[in-house]
Amino acid sequence: MPQQPARAFLVSNPLAAPSPAELAGVERALQLACSRSDASGTPIRLLATGYLPAQQRWLGLLLADDPEAVSRVAAVAQLVTSRVVEV
């Protein structure tokens, strides 16, 4: 059984006034990108997502081994203006 990633990262992306369908689409895209990464041997787990309306910011909490892997899945999910920080 592959080892689970041990570091937590927060992905933050500006998103102005999304509809519920748009929020669900962002989460689905990131989950699919994580699944593809996992299948290629780089395990990443999406733990949670949320939206902060006052800041117009979407957030995703992921487990991974390094920030570059998180940046890659964010790019695959087309979160091109995202910021990745370890938490």
PDB file of N, CA and C in Angstrom:
ATOM      1  N   MET A   1       0.847  -1.193   0.000  1.00  0.00           N
ATOM      2  CA  MET A   1       0.000   0.000   0.000  1.00  0.00           C
ATOM      3  C   MET A   1       0.883   1.243   0.000  1.00  0.00           C
ATOM      4  N   PRO A   2       0.644   2.198  -0.919  1.00  0.00           N
ATOM      5  CA  PRO A   2       1.466   3.400  -0.981  1.00  0.00           C
ATOM      6  C   PRO A   2       1.307   4.252   0.272  1.00  0.00           C
ATOM      7  N   GLN A   3       2.391   4.919   0.623  1.00  0.00           N
ATOM      8  CA  GLN A   3       2.365   5.806   1.780  1.00  0.00           C
ATOM      9  C   GLN A   3       1.543   7.052   1.470  1.00  0.00           C
ATOM     10  N   GLN A   4       0.783   7.494   2.440  1.00  0.00           N
ATOM     11  CA  GLN A   4      -0.033   8.698   2.280  1.00  0.00           C
ATOM     12  C   GLN A   4       0.851   9.934   2.403  1.00  0.00           C
ATOM     13  N   PRO A   5       0.546  10.972   1.635  1.00  0.00           N
ATOM     14  CA  PRO A   5       1.305  12.215   1.785  1.00  0.00           C
ATOM     15  C   PRO A   5       1.104  12.782   3.181  1.00  0.00           C
ATOM     16  N   ALA A   6       2.143  13.431   3.706  1.00  0.00           N
ATOM     17  CA  ALA A   6       2.112  13.829   5.112  1.00  0.00           C
ATOM     18  C   ALA A   6       2.050  15.332   5.359  1.00  0.00           C
ATOM     19  N   ARG A   7       2.203  16.144   4.327  1.00  0.00           N
ATOM     20  CA  ARG A   7       2.215  17.596   4.524  1.00  0.00           C
ATOM     21  C   ARG A   7       0.906  18.197   4.025  1.00  0.00           C
ATOM     22  N   ALA A   8       0.426  19.219   4.737  1.00  0.00           N
ATOM     23  CA  ALA A   8      -0.832  19.882   4.370  1.00  0.00           C
ATOM     24  C   ALA A   8      -0.526  21.208   3.686  1.00  0.00           C
ATOM     25  N   PHE A   9      -1.293  21.478   2.624  1.00  0.00           N
ATOM     26  CA  PHE A   9      -1.143  22.715   1.855  1.00  0.00           C
ATOM     27  C   PHE A   9      -2.503  23.343   1.619  1.00  0.00           C
ATOM     28  N   LEU A  10      -2.517  24.662   1.633  1.00  0.00           N
ATOM     29  CA  LEU A  10      -3.729  25.417   1.329  1.00  0.00           C
ATOM     30  C   LEU A  10      -3.548  26.073  -0.036  1.00  0.00           C
ATOM     31  N   VAL A  11      -4.493  25.808  -0.927  1.00  0.00           N
ATOM     32  CA  VAL A  11      -4.522  26.451  -2.236  1.00  0.00           C
ATOM     33  C   VAL A  11      -5.550  27.567  -2.154  1.00  0.00           C
ATOM     34  N   SER A  12      -5.154  28.752  -2.546  1.00  0.00           N
ATOM     35  CA  SER A  12      -6.027  29.917  -2.505  1.00  0.00           C
ATOM     36  C   SER A  12      -6.110  30.490  -3.914  1.00  0.00           C
ATOM     37  N   ASN A  13      -7.334  30.747  -4.359  1.00  0.00           N
ATOM     38  CA  ASN A  13      -7.535  31.253  -5.719  1.00  0.00           C
ATOM     39  C   ASN A  13      -8.636  32.311  -5.714  1.00  0.00           C
ATOM     40  N   PRO A  14      -8.397  33.483  -6.326  1.00  0.00           N
ATOM     41  CA  PRO A  14      -9.465  34.483  -6.398  1.00  0.00           C
ATOM     42  C   PRO A  14     -10.601  33.970  -7.277  1.00  0.00           C
ATOM     43  N   LEU A  15     -11.817  34.222  -6.821  1.00  0.00           N
ATOM     44  CA  LEU A  15     -12.996  33.775  -7.561  1.00  0.00           C
ATOM     45  C   LEU A  15     -14.150  34.704  -7.178  1.00  0.00           C
ATOM     46  N   ALA A  16     -14.521  35.571  -8.084  1.00  0.00           N
ATOM     47  CA  ALA A  16     -15.532  36.586  -7.795  1.00  0.00           C
ATOM     48  C   ALA A  16     -16.945  36.047  -8.012  1.00  0.00           C
ATOM     49  N   ALA A  17     -17.733  36.037  -6.966  1.00  0.00           N
ATOM     50  CA  ALA A  17     -19.162  35.721  -6.989  1.00  0.00           C
ATOM     51  C   ALA A  17     -19.523  34.477  -7.807  1.00  0.00           C
ATOM     52  N   PRO A  18     -18.947  33.329  -7.462  1.00  0.00           N
ATOM     53  CA  PRO A  18     -19.267  32.115  -8.219  1.00  0.00           C
ATOM     54  C   PRO A  18     -20.651  31.569  -7.858  1.00  0.00           C
ATOM     55  N   SER A  19     -21.252  30.906  -8.806  1.00  0.00           N
ATOM     56  CA  SER A  19     -22.511  30.212  -8.521  1.00  0.00           C
ATOM     57  C   SER A  19     -22.184  28.899  -7.810  1.00  0.00           C
ATOM     58  N   PRO A  20     -23.171  28.266  -7.176  1.00  0.00           N
ATOM     59  CA  PRO A  20     -22.929  26.947  -6.571  1.00  0.00           C
ATOM     60  C   PRO A  20     -22.397  25.941  -7.597  1.00  0.00           C
ATOM     61  N   ALA A  21     -22.879  26.016  -8.824  1.00  0.00           N
ATOM     62  CA  ALA A  21     -22.397  25.101  -9.870  1.00  0.00           C
ATOM     63  C   ALA A  21     -20.927  25.365 -10.202  1.00  0.00           C
ATOM     64  N   GLU A  22     -20.528  26.640 -10.214  1.00  0.00           N
ATOM     65  CA  GLU A  22     -19.121  26.967 -10.475  1.00  0.00           C
ATOM     66  C   GLU A  22     -18.220  26.467  -9.350  1.00  0.00           C
ATOM     67  N   LEU A  23     -18.665  26.629  -8.111  1.00  0.00           N
ATOM     68  CA  LEU A  23     -17.884  26.118  -6.978  1.00  0.00           C
ATOM     69  C   LEU A  23     -17.738  24.605  -7.057  1.00  0.00           C
ATOM     70  N   ALA A  24     -18.817  23.927  -7.382  1.00  0.00           N
ATOM     71  CA  ALA A  24     -18.765  22.469  -7.514  1.00  0.00           C
ATOM     72  C   ALA A  24     -17.836  22.074  -8.659  1.00  0.00           C
ATOM     73  N   GLY A  25     -17.840  22.838  -9.730  1.00  0.00           N
ATOM     74  CA  GLY A  25     -16.970  22.553 -10.865  1.00  0.00           C
ATOM     75  C   GLY A  25     -15.501  22.699 -10.527  1.00  0.00           C
ATOM     76  N   VAL A  26     -15.157  23.715  -9.733  1.00  0.00           N
ATOM     77  CA  VAL A  26     -13.769  23.907  -9.301  1.00  0.00           C
ATOM     78  C   VAL A  26     -13.332  22.714  -8.452  1.00  0.00           C
ATOM     79  N   GLU A  27     -14.193  22.308  -7.530  1.00  0.00           N
ATOM     80  CA  GLU A  27     -13.856  21.169  -6.675  1.00  0.00           C
ATOM     81  C   GLU A  27     -13.701  19.892  -7.506  1.00  0.00           C
ATOM     82  N   ARG A  28     -14.607  19.667  -8.458  1.00  0.00           N
ATOM     83  CA  ARG A  28     -14.518  18.473  -9.316  1.00  0.00           C
ATOM     84  C   ARG A  28     -13.236  18.483 -10.139  1.00  0.00           C
ATOM     85  N   ALA A  29     -12.877  19.631 -10.687  1.00  0.00           N
ATOM     86  CA  ALA A  29     -11.660  19.736 -11.495  1.00  0.00           C
ATOM     87  C   ALA A  29     -10.418  19.435 -10.660  1.00  0.00           C
ATOM     88  N   LEU A  30     -10.381  19.945  -9.439  1.00  0.00           N
ATOM     89  CA  LEU A  30      -9.228  19.693  -8.580  1.00  0.00           C
ATOM     90  C   LEU A  30      -9.190  18.230  -8.140  1.00  0.00           C
ATOM     91  N   GLN A  31     -10.345  17.653  -7.846  1.00  0.00           N
ATOM     92  CA  GLN A  31     -10.389  16.244  -7.456  1.00  0.00           C
ATOM     93  C   GLN A  31      -9.907  15.358  -8.604  1.00  0.00           C
ATOM     94  N   LEU A  32     -10.321  15.662  -9.811  1.00  0.00           N
ATOM     95  CA  LEU A  32      -9.881  14.901 -10.980  1.00  0.00           C
ATOM     96  C   LEU A  32      -8.373  15.041 -11.179  1.00  0.00           C
ATOM     97  N   ALA A  33      -7.852  16.247 -11.017  1.00  0.00           N
ATOM     98  CA  ALA A  33      -6.411  16.459 -11.146  1.00  0.00           C
ATOM     99  C   ALA A  33      -5.648  15.683 -10.073  1.00  0.00           C
ATOM    100  N   CYS A  34      -6.177  15.626  -8.861  1.00  0.00           N
ATOM    101  CA  CYS A  34      -5.554  14.838  -7.797  1.00  0.00           C
ATOM    102  C   CYS A  34      -5.577  13.356  -8.139  1.00  0.00           C
ATOM    103  N   SER A  35      -6.674  12.879  -8.676  1.00  0.00           N
ATOM    104  CA  SER A  35      -6.776  11.470  -9.069  1.00  0.00           C
ATOM    105  C   SER A  35      -5.767  11.126 -10.153  1.00  0.00           C
ATOM    106  N   ARG A  36      -5.603  12.005 -11.116  1.00  0.00           N
ATOM    107  CA  ARG A  36      -4.615  11.776 -12.180  1.00  0.00           C
ATOM    108  C   ARG A  36      -3.199  11.750 -11.617  1.00  0.00           C
ATOM    109  N   SER A  37      -2.908  12.666 -10.713  1.00  0.00           N
ATOM    110  CA  SER A  37      -1.594  12.697 -10.076  1.00  0.00           C
ATOM    111  C   SER A  37      -1.348  11.414  -9.298  1.00  0.00           C
ATOM    112  N   ASP A  38      -2.344  10.980  -8.569  1.00  0.00           N
ATOM    113  CA  ASP A  38      -2.259   9.748  -7.792  1.00  0.00           C
ATOM    114  C   ASP A  38      -1.986   8.555  -8.712  1.00  0.00           C
ATOM    115  N   ALA A  39      -2.695   8.492  -9.834  1.00  0.00           N
ATOM    116  CA  ALA A  39      -2.532   7.385 -10.781  1.00  0.00           C
ATOM    117  C   ALA A  39      -1.140   7.376 -11.401  1.00  0.00           C
ATOM    118  N   SER A  40      -0.514   8.547 -11.510  1.00  0.00           N
ATOM    119  CA  SER A  40       0.822   8.609 -12.101  1.00  0.00           C
ATOM    120  C   SER A  40       1.928   8.442 -11.059  1.00  0.00           C
ATOM    121  N   GLY A  41       1.544   8.178  -9.811  1.00  0.00           N
ATOM    122  CA  GLY A  41       2.539   7.884  -8.778  1.00  0.00           C
ATOM    123  C   GLY A  41       2.855   9.005  -7.813  1.00  0.00           C
ATOM    124  N   THR A  42       2.172  10.130  -7.934  1.00  0.00           N
ATOM    125  CA  THR A  42       2.375  11.243  -6.997  1.00  0.00           C
ATOM    126  C   THR A  42       1.080  11.428  -6.209  1.00  0.00           C
ATOM    127  N   PRO A  43       1.005  10.823  -5.016  1.00  0.00           N
ATOM    128  CA  PRO A  43      -0.243  10.893  -4.257  1.00  0.00           C
ATOM    129  C   PRO A  43      -0.533  12.295  -3.714  1.00  0.00           C
ATOM    130  N   ILE A  44      -1.747  12.744  -3.968  1.00  0.00           N
ATOM    131  CA  ILE A  44      -2.254  14.010  -3.435  1.00  0.00           C
ATOM    132  C   ILE A  44      -3.696  13.769  -3.036  1.00  0.00           C
ATOM    133  N   ARG A  45      -4.077  14.250  -1.872  1.00  0.00           N
ATOM    134  CA  ARG A  45      -5.444  14.076  -1.380  1.00  0.00           C
ATOM    135  C   ARG A  45      -6.093  15.431  -1.162  1.00  0.00           C
ATOM    136  N   LEU A  46      -7.254  15.626  -1.757  1.00  0.00           N
ATOM    137  CA  LEU A  46      -8.059  16.822  -1.505  1.00  0.00           C
ATOM    138  C   LEU A  46      -8.900  16.539  -0.271  1.00  0.00           C
ATOM    139  N   LEU A  47      -8.680  17.307   0.790  1.00  0.00           N
ATOM    140  CA  LEU A  47      -9.390  17.085   2.054  1.00  0.00           C
ATOM    141  C   LEU A  47     -10.661  17.919   2.172  1.00  0.00           C
ATOM    142  N   ALA A  48     -10.593  19.165   1.747  1.00  0.00           N
ATOM    143  CA  ALA A  48     -11.744  20.062   1.930  1.00  0.00           C
ATOM    144  C   ALA A  48     -11.604  21.263   1.011  1.00  0.00           C
ATOM    145  N   THR A  49     -12.748  21.892   0.718  1.00  0.00           N
ATOM    146  CA  THR A  49     -12.762  23.145  -0.032  1.00  0.00           C
ATOM    147  C   THR A  49     -13.731  24.100   0.648  1.00  0.00           C
ATOM    148  N   GLY A  50     -13.565  25.371   0.343  1.00  0.00           N
ATOM    149  CA  GLY A  50     -14.481  26.371   0.890  1.00  0.00           C
ATOM    150  C   GLY A  50     -14.370  27.661   0.101  1.00  0.00           C
ATOM    151  N   TYR A  51     -15.313  28.531   0.347  1.00  0.00           N
ATOM    152  CA  TYR A  51     -15.329  29.831  -0.324  1.00  0.00           C
ATOM    153  C   TYR A  51     -15.529  30.926   0.713  1.00  0.00           C
ATOM    154  N   LEU A  52     -14.708  31.968   0.621  1.00  0.00           N
ATOM    155  CA  LEU A  52     -14.815  33.133   1.509  1.00  0.00           C
ATOM    156  C   LEU A  52     -15.396  34.291   0.700  1.00  0.00           C
ATOM    157  N   PRO A  53     -16.718  34.523   0.803  1.00  0.00           N
ATOM    158  CA  PRO A  53     -17.341  35.545  -0.042  1.00  0.00           C
ATOM    159  C   PRO A  53     -16.794  36.954   0.190  1.00  0.00           C
ATOM    160  N   ALA A  54     -16.490  37.312   1.425  1.00  0.00           N
ATOM    161  CA  ALA A  54     -16.006  38.676   1.699  1.00  0.00           C
ATOM    162  C   ALA A  54     -14.662  38.936   1.021  1.00  0.00           C
ATOM    163  N   GLN A  55     -13.842  37.900   0.900  1.00  0.00           N
ATOM    164  CA  GLN A  55     -12.535  38.032   0.248  1.00  0.00           C
ATOM    165  C   GLN A  55     -12.577  37.589  -1.220  1.00  0.00           C
ATOM    166  N   GLN A  56     -13.723  37.074  -1.662  1.00  0.00           N
ATOM    167  CA  GLN A  56     -13.882  36.520  -3.008  1.00  0.00           C
ATOM    168  C   GLN A  56     -12.739  35.555  -3.316  1.00  0.00           C
ATOM    169  N   ARG A  57     -12.592  34.568  -2.421  1.00  0.00           N
ATOM    170  CA  ARG A  57     -11.466  33.650  -2.510  1.00  0.00           C
ATOM    171  C   ARG A  57     -11.937  32.222  -2.267  1.00  0.00           C
ATOM    172  N   TRP A  58     -11.524  31.332  -3.176  1.00  0.00           N
ATOM    173  CA  TRP A  58     -11.776  29.899  -3.037  1.00  0.00           C
ATOM    174  C   TRP A  58     -10.560  29.271  -2.367  1.00  0.00           C
ATOM    175  N   LEU A  59     -10.792  28.310  -1.466  1.00  0.00           N
ATOM    176  CA  LEU A  59      -9.705  27.636  -0.752  1.00  0.00           C
ATOM    177  C   LEU A  59      -9.845  26.131  -0.884  1.00  0.00           C
ATOM    178  N   GLY A  60      -8.712  25.453  -0.983  1.00  0.00           N
ATOM    179  CA  GLY A  60      -8.689  23.999  -0.986  1.00  0.00           C
ATOM    180  C   GLY A  60      -7.580  23.523  -0.067  1.00  0.00           C
ATOM    181  N   LEU A  61      -7.874  22.515   0.750  1.00  0.00           N
ATOM    182  CA  LEU A  61      -6.894  21.933   1.662  1.00  0.00           C
ATOM    183  C   LEU A  61      -6.487  20.575   1.108  1.00  0.00           C
ATOM    184  N   LEU A  62      -5.195  20.399   0.866  1.00  0.00           N
ATOM    185  CA  LEU A  62      -4.694  19.176   0.261  1.00  0.00           C
ATOM    186  C   LEU A  62      -3.554  18.585   1.073  1.00  0.00           C
ATOM    187  N   LEU A  63      -3.401  17.275   0.988  1.00  0.00           N
ATOM    188  CA  LEU A  63      -2.234  16.578   1.529  1.00  0.00           C
ATOM    189  C   LEU A  63      -1.349  16.196   0.363  1.00  0.00           C
ATOM    190  N   ALA A  64      -0.061  16.475   0.476  1.00  0.00           N
ATOM    191  CA  ALA A  64       0.897  16.145  -0.578  1.00  0.00           C
ATOM    192  C   ALA A  64       2.283  16.075   0.054  1.00  0.00           C
ATOM    193  N   ASP A  65       3.257  15.652  -0.752  1.00  0.00           N
ATOM    194  CA  ASP A  65       4.629  15.580  -0.251  1.00  0.00           C
ATOM    195  C   ASP A  65       5.412  16.857  -0.490  1.00  0.00           C
ATOM    196  N   ASP A  66       4.987  17.678  -1.454  1.00  0.00           N
ATOM    197  CA  ASP A  66       5.711  18.918  -1.719  1.00  0.00           C
ATOM    198  C   ASP A  66       4.793  19.938  -2.396  1.00  0.00           C
ATOM    199  N   PRO A  67       5.135  21.220  -2.272  1.00  0.00           N
ATOM    200  CA  PRO A  67       4.276  22.267  -2.832  1.00  0.00           C
ATOM    201  C   PRO A  67       4.239  22.256  -4.355  1.00  0.00           C
ATOM    202  N   GLU A  68       5.302  21.796  -4.997  1.00  0.00           N
ATOM    203  CA  GLU A  68       5.320  21.755  -6.459  1.00  0.00           C
ATOM    204  C   GLU A  68       4.246  20.808  -6.993  1.00  0.00           C
ATOM    205  N   ALA A  69       4.044  19.677  -6.318  1.00  0.00           N
ATOM    206  CA  ALA A  69       2.999  18.737  -6.737  1.00  0.00           C
ATOM    207  C   ALA A  69       1.622  19.383  -6.622  1.00  0.00           C
ATOM    208  N   VAL A  70       1.410  20.152  -5.572  1.00  0.00           N
ATOM    209  CA  VAL A  70       0.129  20.844  -5.390  1.00  0.00           C
ATOM    210  C   VAL A  70      -0.048  21.909  -6.479  1.00  0.00           C
ATOM    211  N   SER A  71       1.012  22.639  -6.777  1.00  0.00           N
ATOM    212  CA  SER A  71       0.934  23.644  -7.840  1.00  0.00           C
ATOM    213  C   SER A  71       0.612  22.996  -9.178  1.00  0.00           C
ATOM    214  N   ARG A  72       1.185  21.810  -9.435  1.00  0.00           N
ATOM    215  CA  ARG A  72       0.904  21.119 -10.700  1.00  0.00           C
ATOM    216  C   ARG A  72      -0.568  20.717 -10.802  1.00  0.00           C
ATOM    217  N   VAL A  73      -1.138  20.155  -9.726  1.00  0.00           N
ATOM    218  CA  VAL A  73      -2.551  19.748  -9.818  1.00  0.00           C
ATOM    219  C   VAL A  73      -3.451  20.975  -9.906  1.00  0.00           C
ATOM    220  N   ALA A  74      -3.068  22.075  -9.253  1.00  0.00           N
ATOM    221  CA  ALA A  74      -3.850  23.309  -9.364  1.00  0.00           C
ATOM    222  C   ALA A  74      -3.823  23.812 -10.807  1.00  0.00           C
ATOM    223  N   ALA A  75      -2.678  23.723 -11.460  1.00  0.00           N
ATOM    224  CA  ALA A  75      -2.577  24.154 -12.855  1.00  0.00           C
ATOM    225  C   ALA A  75      -3.406  23.251 -13.763  1.00  0.00           C
ATOM    226  N   VAL A  76      -3.365  21.940 -13.528  1.00  0.00           N
ATOM    227  CA  VAL A  76      -4.174  21.012 -14.321  1.00  0.00           C
ATOM    228  C   VAL A  76      -5.659  21.327 -14.149  1.00  0.00           C
ATOM    229  N   ALA A  77      -6.046  21.716 -12.935  1.00  0.00           N
ATOM    230  CA  ALA A  77      -7.446  22.078 -12.662  1.00  0.00           C
ATOM    231  C   ALA A  77      -7.782  23.493 -13.151  1.00  0.00           C
ATOM    232  N   GLN A  78      -6.838  24.142 -13.802  1.00  0.00           N
ATOM    233  CA  GLN A  78      -6.981  25.482 -14.356  1.00  0.00           C
ATOM    234  C   GLN A  78      -7.171  26.557 -13.291  1.00  0.00           C
ATOM    235  N   LEU A  79      -6.572  26.343 -12.136  1.00  0.00           N
ATOM    236  CA  LEU A  79      -6.525  27.372 -11.093  1.00  0.00           C
ATOM    237  C   LEU A  79      -5.213  28.127 -11.286  1.00  0.00           C
ATOM    238  N   VAL A  80      -5.131  28.876 -12.363  1.00  0.00           N
ATOM    239  CA  VAL A  80      -3.863  29.443 -12.807  1.00  0.00           C
ATOM    240  C   VAL A  80      -3.348  30.577 -11.932  1.00  0.00           C
ATOM    241  N   THR A  81      -4.204  31.223 -11.176  1.00  0.00           N
ATOM    242  CA  THR A  81      -3.751  32.313 -10.320  1.00  0.00           C
ATOM    243  C   THR A  81      -3.683  31.889  -8.865  1.00  0.00           C
ATOM    244  N   SER A  82      -3.569  30.587  -8.641  1.00  0.00           N
ATOM    245  CA  SER A  82      -3.599  30.088  -7.269  1.00  0.00           C
ATOM    246  C   SER A  82      -2.293  30.347  -6.539  1.00  0.00           C
ATOM    247  N   ARG A  83      -2.409  30.358  -5.233  1.00  0.00           N
ATOM    248  CA  ARG A  83      -1.272  30.483  -4.327  1.00  0.00           C
ATOM    249  C   ARG A  83      -1.276  29.243  -3.457  1.00  0.00           C
ATOM    250  N   VAL A  84      -0.123  28.635  -3.246  1.00  0.00           N
ATOM    251  CA  VAL A  84       0.000  27.425  -2.449  1.00  0.00           C
ATOM    252  C   VAL A  84       0.875  27.732  -1.239  1.00  0.00           C
ATOM    253  N   VAL A  85       0.365  27.449  -0.040  1.00  0.00           N
ATOM    254  CA  VAL A  85       1.156  27.637   1.188  1.00  0.00           C
ATOM    255  C   VAL A  85       1.009  26.392   2.055  1.00  0.00           C
ATOM    256  N   GLU A  86       2.107  26.060   2.723  1.00  0.00           N
ATOM    257  CA  GLU A  86       2.052  24.920   3.651  1.00  0.00           C
ATOM    258  C   GLU A  86       1.415  25.373   4.954  1.00  0.00           C
ATOM    259  N   VAL A  87       0.560  24.526   5.498  1.00  0.00           N
ATOM    260  CA  VAL A  87      -0.105  24.858   6.770  1.00  0.00           C
ATOM    261  C   VAL A  87       0.183  23.797   7.808  1.00  0.00           C
TER     262      VAL A  87
END
